[in-house]
C-alpha cells in the first residue's frame, strides 16, 4: 500500500513539472511566431518613417529650362486714336439758298465733284454784265489802236482804252469768283458723311454742310514716355491692332515726331501712317500700336511661371550642384507667356520652371526633366496687342 502511494505521488509530480514546462514554452512562443515576425518589420518601418518625417526634408523634384540666347524683336507699345489722312467740314463762304445737292450720304466722291450748289441767279447775271463790259472795252481798244496807227488819235487815248479793258477784265474776274463761291466742291478724293441740310434751306456763311474724309490712308496719333526719344525716328515700322477688328493687324510707319515734349506728362507725341486698303478701319477708332525698334539675337527667355515676385523685385531659382540658388533678376520684354531676363542669369544656367516648392536658398533639389527653351520670342497675338512686362509698368519694353 505504501509502495502504491509513492508511485502515485511521483506521477503527479512529473505531470506538474510537464505542465509547468509547457506553460513556459507557450509564453516564449510569440517571439518565434510567423505572424509576429511579419508585424515586427512593419512596426520598425513605421518608426523609421516617423523619425525621417521629423528630420530634414529630402530633395525637391523640379523641372528646369536651360537658358539659351534667342532672337527677339524689341518694341514699344502704346495706345492711340485713328484719324483720317485728310478731313474737312465744308462750309459756304457766302450766304445763300441751297439749289442742288450732288451726293448721297456716305458716298465716295472725287476731287472737284460738285457737292452743294447755292442759288447763283444774281451771280450769273453779274458775270454776264461784266463779260459784256469787258467785250465792249476790248473792242474799243482795238479800234483805238487802229486809229492810233493812222495817227487819228493820241497815244493818251490809246492808253485810256487799254486801262478800260484792264478794269473790265478785273470786274469780270471778280464776278466769276463770286459765282464760283456758290458751288461747294470736293477738295480731295474721299467719302462724304451724313448731311443735315436739304434743297431749299437758307444757309449763312460758315454753316456746316458736310464732312469729307480721306480714309484710304489713316493717321494714328499716340504718346510715348520721353525716355524713348533717342530710340525713335521717322520710318520705323509700326503694327496697329484695333479692338473692333479682332485678328486684323495693319502695318505702317512712323511719319512724324513732335520735337516738343509735353511738359505736363513728359511724353512725346508721335504720328504714324498706315494703309487702309480694305476700308475696315475708321477714324476715331481706339488702336493699339507697337513700334518695332529692331531685333536682338541674345535674349534669354524663360516661362512666366519661373519668375517669382517679391515686393517690387523679381527672382528665379537656378540649379547648381543639386541645390537651388535664388537669383534676383531684371525683366525685359514679354512675349506669349515668355519673359526676358536682362540681369542676374547667363546662358547655360538651369532655371526652375515647374515643381516649385523651393522654400529657401540652397535647398536640395532633384531634376526631373528639362523644358525645351523657346526658339524665338514671337510677336503678340493678333487682335490682342502687345502684352506689357510683368512689372506692370508702362507696357513698353525697357532698355537694356
Protein backbone atom coordinates (compact mmCIF):
# COMPACT_ATOMS: atom_id res chain seq x y z
CA UNK A 1 0.00 0.00 0.00
CA UNK A 2 2.76 2.40 0.88
CA UNK A 3 4.52 1.49 -2.36
CA UNK A 4 1.45 2.33 -4.40
CA UNK A 5 1.10 5.73 -2.70
CA UNK A 6 4.69 6.67 -3.50
CA UNK A 7 4.16 5.80 -7.16
CA UNK A 8 1.06 7.99 -7.43
CA UNK A 9 2.86 10.93 -5.81
CA UNK A 10 5.75 10.54 -8.26
CA UNK A 11 3.41 10.56 -11.25
CA UNK A 12 1.62 13.65 -10.02
CA UNK A 13 4.96 15.43 -9.63
CA UNK A 14 6.00 14.53 -13.16
CA UNK A 15 2.72 15.80 -14.59
CA UNK A 16 3.04 19.04 -12.69
CA UNK A 17 6.59 19.52 -14.00
CA UNK A 18 5.45 18.86 -17.57
CA UNK A 19 2.59 21.32 -17.25
CA UNK A 20 4.93 23.98 -15.95
CA UNK A 21 7.36 23.42 -18.80
CA UNK A 22 4.54 23.66 -21.41
CA UNK A 23 3.28 26.89 -19.88
CA UNK A 24 6.71 28.48 -20.04
CA UNK A 25 7.13 27.35 -23.66
CA UNK A 26 3.80 28.93 -24.63
CA UNK A 27 4.85 32.28 -23.12
CA UNK A 28 8.03 32.32 -25.22
CA UNK A 29 6.30 31.16 -28.46
CA UNK A 30 5.22 34.63 -29.85
CA UNK A 31 8.84 35.52 -30.40
CA UNK A 32 9.12 32.79 -32.96
CA UNK A 33 5.56 33.03 -34.32
CA UNK A 34 5.36 33.83 -38.11
CA UNK A 35 2.60 36.44 -37.67
CA UNK A 36 4.61 38.21 -35.05
CA UNK A 37 7.66 38.07 -37.29
CA UNK A 38 5.72 39.76 -40.11
CA UNK A 39 4.36 42.51 -37.90
CA UNK A 40 7.70 43.38 -36.44
CA UNK A 41 9.34 44.84 -39.64
CA UNK A 42 6.21 46.95 -40.32
CA UNK A 43 6.50 48.47 -36.89
CA UNK A 44 10.17 49.13 -37.44
CA UNK A 45 9.49 50.79 -40.83
CA UNK A 46 6.80 52.98 -39.28
CA UNK A 47 9.22 54.03 -36.63
CA UNK A 48 11.83 54.90 -39.22
CA UNK A 49 9.29 56.92 -41.24
CA UNK A 50 8.30 58.85 -38.18
CA UNK A 51 11.91 59.61 -37.48
CA UNK A 52 12.51 60.60 -41.11
CA UNK A 53 9.45 62.86 -41.03
CA UNK A 54 10.82 64.67 -38.08
CA UNK A 55 14.22 65.10 -39.72
CA UNK A 56 15.29 67.46 -42.68
CA UNK A 57 13.28 67.10 -45.99
CA UNK A 58 14.73 65.26 -48.97
CA UNK A 59 15.47 66.74 -52.45
CA UNK A 60 12.52 68.53 -54.05
CA UNK A 61 11.65 67.27 -57.57
CA UNK A 62 11.70 70.11 -60.12
CA UNK A 63 11.75 70.75 -63.86
CA UNK A 64 14.24 73.19 -65.34
CA UNK A 65 14.94 75.05 -68.57
CA UNK A 66 18.43 75.69 -69.88
CA UNK A 67 18.89 79.33 -70.87
CA UNK A 68 19.87 79.77 -74.50
CA UNK A 69 20.12 83.03 -76.46
CA UNK A 70 17.16 83.61 -78.78
CA UNK A 71 16.21 86.38 -81.18
CA UNK A 72 13.52 88.79 -80.01
CA UNK A 73 12.01 91.83 -81.59
CA UNK A 74 12.39 94.83 -79.34
CA UNK A 75 9.39 97.10 -79.43
CA UNK A 76 7.46 99.83 -77.63
CA UNK A 77 3.72 99.59 -77.13
CA UNK A 78 1.19 102.37 -76.76
CA UNK A 79 -2.45 103.20 -77.37
CA UNK A 80 -3.76 105.86 -79.70
CA UNK A 81 -6.61 107.04 -81.92
CA UNK A 82 -7.08 106.70 -85.66
CA UNK A 83 -7.54 109.81 -87.77
CA UNK A 84 -8.32 110.41 -91.42
CA UNK A 85 -5.44 111.19 -93.70
CA UNK A 86 -7.39 114.29 -94.70
CA UNK A 87 -10.56 115.53 -93.06
CA UNK A 88 -12.61 118.65 -93.65
CA UNK A 89 -16.04 120.05 -92.86
CA UNK A 90 -17.29 122.03 -95.85
CA UNK A 91 -18.81 125.45 -95.12
CA UNK A 92 -20.02 128.14 -97.54
CA UNK A 93 -18.12 131.40 -97.71
CA UNK A 94 -21.29 133.33 -98.62
CA UNK A 95 -24.91 133.13 -97.57
CA UNK A 96 -27.43 131.65 -99.93
CA UNK A 97 -30.19 129.19 -100.60
CA UNK A 98 -29.29 125.57 -101.45
CA UNK A 99 -30.28 124.85 -105.04
CA UNK A 100 -28.71 121.42 -105.58
CA UNK A 101 -27.04 118.56 -103.69
CA UNK A 102 -24.71 116.35 -105.71
CA UNK A 103 -24.06 113.39 -103.44
CA UNK A 104 -25.65 110.66 -101.36
CA UNK A 105 -24.85 110.17 -97.70
CA UNK A 106 -21.73 108.02 -97.26
CA UNK A 107 -20.87 108.15 -100.96
CA UNK A 108 -17.34 108.09 -102.33
CA UNK A 109 -16.59 111.34 -104.14
CA UNK A 110 -13.82 112.59 -106.39
CA UNK A 111 -11.83 115.78 -106.15
CA UNK A 112 -13.65 118.67 -107.86
CA UNK A 113 -17.07 116.99 -107.75
CA UNK A 114 -19.97 119.36 -107.04
CA UNK A 115 -21.39 118.59 -103.61
CA UNK A 116 -23.63 121.57 -102.81
CA UNK A 117 -24.80 124.32 -105.16
CA UNK A 118 -26.27 127.59 -103.90
CA UNK A 119 -28.74 129.69 -105.90
CA UNK A 120 -26.46 131.66 -108.24
CA UNK A 121 -29.00 133.58 -110.35
CA UNK A 122 -27.71 137.02 -109.37
CA UNK A 123 -24.10 135.97 -109.63
CA UNK A 124 -24.60 134.60 -113.13
CA UNK A 125 -26.18 137.93 -114.14
CA UNK A 126 -23.22 139.82 -112.70
CA UNK A 127 -20.84 137.63 -114.69
CA UNK A 128 -22.83 138.23 -117.88
CA UNK A 129 -22.78 142.00 -117.30
CA UNK A 130 -19.06 142.01 -116.57
CA UNK A 131 -18.41 139.89 -119.62
CA UNK A 132 -20.32 142.37 -121.83
CA UNK A 133 -18.40 145.34 -120.40
CA UNK A 134 -15.14 143.54 -120.99
CA UNK A 135 -16.05 142.70 -124.59
CA UNK A 136 -17.03 146.35 -125.25
CA UNK A 137 -13.81 147.64 -123.70
CA UNK A 138 -11.74 145.18 -125.74
CA UNK A 139 -13.50 146.27 -128.94
CA UNK A 140 -12.89 149.94 -128.19
CA UNK A 141 -9.22 149.23 -127.52
CA UNK A 142 -8.87 147.51 -130.90
CA UNK A 143 -10.43 150.48 -132.76
CA UNK A 144 -8.28 152.95 -130.84
CA UNK A 145 -5.15 151.01 -131.75
CA UNK A 146 -6.16 151.06 -135.45
CA UNK A 147 -6.76 154.81 -135.34
CA UNK A 148 -3.50 155.37 -133.48
CA UNK A 149 -1.57 153.63 -136.28
CA UNK A 150 -3.18 156.10 -138.70
CA UNK A 151 -2.37 158.98 -136.31
CA UNK A 152 -6.06 159.85 -135.87
CA UNK A 153 -5.98 159.55 -132.05
CA UNK A 154 -3.38 160.47 -129.49
CA UNK A 155 -1.33 157.98 -127.50
CA UNK A 156 -3.12 159.05 -124.32
CA UNK A 157 -6.45 157.96 -125.78
CA UNK A 158 -4.90 154.61 -126.60
CA UNK A 159 -3.61 154.26 -123.04
CA UNK A 160 -7.02 155.14 -121.62
CA UNK A 161 -8.70 152.49 -123.78
CA UNK A 162 -6.18 149.88 -122.57
CA UNK A 163 -6.82 150.86 -118.97
CA UNK A 164 -10.58 150.49 -119.50
CA UNK A 165 -10.02 146.93 -120.73
CA UNK A 166 -7.99 146.07 -117.63
CA UNK A 167 -10.72 147.40 -115.33
CA UNK A 168 -13.40 145.47 -117.21
CA UNK A 169 -11.30 142.32 -117.02
CA UNK A 170 -10.87 142.72 -113.24
CA UNK A 171 -14.63 143.18 -112.80
CA UNK A 172 -15.25 140.02 -114.82
CA UNK A 173 -12.85 138.00 -112.69
CA UNK A 174 -14.46 139.33 -109.52
CA UNK A 175 -17.92 138.34 -110.75
CA UNK A 176 -16.65 134.89 -111.73
CA UNK A 177 -15.06 134.43 -108.29
CA UNK A 178 -18.33 135.30 -106.58
CA UNK A 179 -20.12 132.84 -108.83
CA UNK A 180 -17.60 130.10 -108.01
CA UNK A 181 -18.28 130.53 -104.30
CA UNK A 182 -21.84 129.42 -104.91
CA UNK A 183 -20.53 125.93 -105.80
CA UNK A 184 -19.13 123.77 -102.98
CA UNK A 185 -16.70 121.23 -104.49
CA UNK A 186 -14.92 118.20 -103.00
CA UNK A 187 -11.37 119.30 -102.14
CA UNK A 188 -9.96 115.74 -102.44
CA UNK A 189 -10.98 112.15 -103.07
CA UNK A 190 -12.81 110.72 -100.10
CA UNK A 191 -16.08 109.68 -98.51
CA UNK A 192 -18.79 112.15 -97.50
CA UNK A 193 -20.61 111.94 -94.19
CA UNK A 194 -24.28 112.46 -93.39
CA UNK A 195 -25.77 115.79 -94.37
CA UNK A 196 -28.11 117.84 -92.21
CA UNK A 197 -29.32 120.21 -94.93
CA UNK A 198 -31.80 119.91 -97.78
CA UNK A 199 -32.56 121.64 -101.03
CA UNK A 200 -34.23 124.98 -100.30
CA UNK A 201 -32.51 125.56 -96.96
CA UNK A 202 -31.05 129.02 -96.49
CA UNK A 203 -27.58 128.78 -95.00
CA UNK A 204 -25.36 131.51 -93.71
CA UNK A 205 -21.69 131.82 -94.44
CA UNK A 206 -19.68 129.47 -92.17
CA UNK A 207 -22.53 126.99 -91.57
CA UNK A 208 -21.58 123.30 -91.51
CA UNK A 209 -22.74 121.49 -94.64
CA UNK A 210 -20.98 118.12 -94.90
CA UNK A 211 -17.75 116.44 -93.86
CA UNK A 212 -15.39 114.71 -96.27
CA UNK A 213 -12.90 112.06 -95.07
CA UNK A 214 -9.97 110.54 -96.92
CA UNK A 215 -9.72 107.07 -95.32
CA UNK A 216 -7.61 105.29 -97.92
CA UNK A 217 -4.72 106.10 -95.61
CA UNK A 218 -5.04 106.78 -91.91
CA UNK A 219 -3.02 108.51 -89.25
CA UNK A 220 -2.62 107.14 -85.74
CA UNK A 221 -1.55 109.54 -83.01
CA UNK A 222 -0.10 108.20 -79.77
CA UNK A 223 2.23 109.21 -76.95
CA UNK A 224 5.37 107.59 -75.56
CA UNK A 225 7.47 108.36 -72.47
CA UNK A 226 10.25 110.84 -73.12
CA UNK A 227 12.95 108.26 -72.31
CA UNK A 228 12.39 106.71 -75.76
CA UNK A 229 13.25 109.93 -77.59
CA UNK A 230 16.70 108.71 -78.67
CA UNK A 231 15.31 105.40 -79.97
CA UNK A 232 12.54 106.91 -82.09
CA UNK A 233 12.99 108.06 -85.66
CA UNK A 234 10.78 108.51 -88.70
CA UNK A 235 10.38 105.46 -90.87
CA UNK A 236 10.33 102.91 -88.05
CA UNK A 237 7.76 100.18 -88.76
CA UNK A 238 4.64 100.01 -86.60
CA UNK A 239 1.91 97.44 -86.14
CA UNK A 240 -1.63 98.63 -85.40
CA UNK A 241 -4.41 96.49 -83.94
CA UNK A 242 -7.97 97.73 -83.40
CA UNK A 243 -10.14 96.16 -80.70
CA UNK A 244 -13.12 96.48 -83.03
CA UNK A 245 -11.40 94.18 -85.58
CA UNK A 246 -10.02 91.18 -83.69
CA UNK A 247 -7.49 89.17 -85.66
CA UNK A 248 -6.59 92.00 -88.06
CA UNK A 249 -3.16 93.63 -88.00
CA UNK A 250 -2.17 96.67 -90.06
CA UNK A 251 1.37 97.72 -90.90
CA UNK A 252 2.55 101.31 -91.14
CA UNK A 253 5.49 103.53 -90.29
CA UNK A 254 6.35 106.46 -88.07
CA UNK A 255 5.63 109.61 -90.06
CA UNK A 256 6.45 112.41 -87.62
CA UNK A 257 7.69 113.03 -84.08
CA UNK A 258 6.79 116.23 -82.31
CA UNK A 259 10.11 117.86 -81.32
CA UNK A 260 8.43 119.33 -78.26
CA UNK A 261 7.99 117.20 -75.14
CA UNK A 262 4.70 117.62 -73.33
CA UNK A 263 5.69 119.20 -70.02
CA UNK A 264 2.57 118.02 -68.20
CA UNK A 265 3.05 114.32 -68.92
CA UNK A 266 6.69 114.23 -70.03
CA UNK A 267 5.62 112.41 -73.15
CA UNK A 268 6.35 112.53 -76.86
CA UNK A 269 3.62 112.92 -79.44
CA UNK A 270 4.16 110.53 -82.34
CA UNK A 271 2.21 110.14 -85.57
CA UNK A 272 2.27 107.08 -87.80
CA UNK A 273 0.56 106.44 -91.14
CA UNK A 274 -0.85 103.19 -92.46
CA UNK A 275 -2.75 101.99 -95.49
CA UNK A 276 -6.43 101.17 -95.13
CA UNK A 277 -6.87 99.39 -98.41
CA UNK A 278 -9.68 97.16 -97.20
CA UNK A 279 -11.55 100.17 -95.77
CA UNK A 280 -12.39 98.42 -92.49
CA UNK A 281 -10.62 100.88 -90.22
CA UNK A 282 -12.47 104.07 -89.37
CA UNK A 283 -11.32 107.43 -87.98
CA UNK A 284 -11.86 107.71 -84.25
CA UNK A 285 -11.26 104.02 -83.52
CA UNK A 286 -9.21 103.02 -80.48
CA UNK A 287 -5.91 101.48 -81.61
CA UNK A 288 -3.07 99.56 -80.01
CA UNK A 289 0.27 100.48 -81.53
CA UNK A 290 3.57 98.62 -81.43
CA UNK A 291 6.68 100.44 -82.67
CA UNK A 292 9.30 97.93 -83.84
CA UNK A 293 12.77 99.08 -82.81
CA UNK A 294 14.73 96.11 -84.14
CA UNK A 295 15.90 92.58 -83.36
CA UNK A 296 18.23 91.38 -80.60
CA UNK A 297 19.78 87.92 -81.06
CA UNK A 298 20.96 87.34 -77.49
CA UNK A 299 17.81 87.48 -75.35
CA UNK A 300 17.39 84.97 -72.50
CA UNK A 301 13.73 83.92 -72.22
CA UNK A 302 12.02 81.80 -69.56
CA UNK A 303 8.38 80.80 -68.96
CA UNK A 304 6.42 83.24 -66.83
CA UNK A 305 5.92 80.68 -64.07
CA UNK A 306 9.67 80.60 -63.46
CA UNK A 307 9.63 84.21 -62.21
CA UNK A 308 8.82 84.68 -58.53
CA UNK A 309 7.71 88.18 -57.39
CA UNK A 310 8.90 89.54 -54.09
CA UNK A 311 7.53 93.03 -53.45
CA UNK A 312 8.84 95.27 -56.22
CA UNK A 313 11.56 92.79 -57.13
CA UNK A 314 11.68 89.50 -59.03
CA UNK A 315 13.88 86.43 -58.79
CA UNK A 316 14.27 82.93 -60.19
CA UNK A 317 15.74 79.71 -58.80
CA UNK A 318 18.72 78.26 -60.62
CA UNK A 319 20.05 74.74 -60.08
CA UNK A 320 23.75 74.07 -59.46
CA UNK A 321 25.38 71.08 -57.73
CA UNK A 322 21.97 69.66 -56.84
CA UNK A 323 20.89 72.75 -54.94
CA UNK A 324 18.54 75.64 -55.70
CA UNK A 325 20.06 79.11 -55.75
CA UNK A 326 17.90 82.23 -55.67
CA UNK A 327 18.94 84.79 -58.30
CA UNK A 328 17.45 88.33 -58.38
CA UNK A 329 16.64 89.27 -61.98
CA UNK A 330 15.63 92.26 -64.05
CA UNK A 331 12.81 91.67 -66.52
CA UNK A 332 12.66 92.73 -70.15
CA UNK A 333 10.17 92.11 -72.93
CA UNK A 334 7.27 89.70 -72.57
CA UNK A 335 6.07 87.55 -75.46
CA UNK A 336 3.49 84.74 -75.41
CA UNK A 337 4.00 83.61 -71.79
CA UNK A 338 7.77 84.08 -72.09
CA UNK A 339 9.69 86.71 -70.12
CA UNK A 340 13.15 88.06 -70.89
CA UNK A 341 15.74 88.09 -68.12
CA UNK A 342 18.09 91.03 -68.54
CA UNK A 343 20.26 90.61 -65.44
CA UNK A 344 21.03 88.00 -62.80
CA UNK A 345 21.48 84.95 -65.03
CA UNK A 346 23.58 83.90 -68.02
CA UNK A 347 23.36 81.50 -70.93
CA UNK A 348 23.64 77.87 -69.87
CA UNK A 349 22.05 78.34 -66.43
CA UNK A 350 19.33 75.90 -65.38
CA UNK A 351 16.24 77.77 -64.19
CA UNK A 352 13.47 76.03 -62.26
CA UNK A 353 10.18 76.19 -64.19
CA UNK A 354 7.88 73.60 -62.58
CA UNK A 355 7.52 71.81 -59.28
CA UNK A 356 8.48 74.95 -57.41
CA UNK A 357 8.27 74.01 -53.78
CA UNK A 358 11.64 75.51 -53.11
CA UNK A 359 11.41 77.48 -49.90
CA UNK A 360 14.95 78.62 -49.32
CA UNK A 361 18.22 79.33 -50.98
CA UNK A 362 20.45 76.27 -51.10
CA UNK A 363 17.63 73.72 -50.74
CA UNK A 364 18.47 70.30 -52.29
CA UNK A 365 16.56 69.57 -55.50
CA UNK A 366 16.21 66.67 -57.89
CA UNK A 367 15.84 67.49 -61.60
CA UNK A 368 13.02 65.50 -63.21
CA UNK A 369 13.36 66.91 -66.70
CA UNK A 370 14.44 69.84 -68.84
CA UNK A 371 11.90 72.01 -70.63
CA UNK A 372 12.81 72.97 -74.19
CA UNK A 373 13.97 76.56 -74.42
CA UNK A 374 12.00 78.85 -76.80
CA UNK A 375 13.49 79.19 -80.28
CA UNK A 376 12.40 82.77 -80.69
CA UNK A 377 10.06 85.18 -78.99
CA UNK A 378 7.08 85.66 -81.26
CA UNK A 379 5.22 88.97 -81.52
CA UNK A 380 1.95 89.42 -79.61
CA UNK A 381 -1.11 87.52 -80.73
CA UNK A 382 -3.08 89.28 -83.46
CA UNK A 383 -6.03 91.28 -82.30
CA UNK A 384 -4.80 91.43 -78.72
CA UNK A 385 -1.99 93.94 -78.96
CA UNK A 386 1.32 93.70 -77.21
CA UNK A 387 1.45 92.49 -73.66
CA UNK A 388 3.26 94.62 -71.16
CA UNK A 389 6.05 93.41 -68.89
CA UNK A 390 5.20 91.64 -65.64
CA UNK A 391 6.31 94.60 -63.60
CA UNK A 392 3.09 96.36 -64.50
CA UNK A 393 4.80 99.48 -65.83
CA UNK A 394 4.06 101.40 -68.98
CA UNK A 395 3.84 98.44 -71.35
CA UNK A 396 6.93 99.43 -73.33
CA UNK A 397 9.90 97.14 -73.37
CA UNK A 398 12.65 98.53 -71.15
CA UNK A 399 16.07 99.39 -72.48
CA UNK A 400 18.89 97.03 -71.80
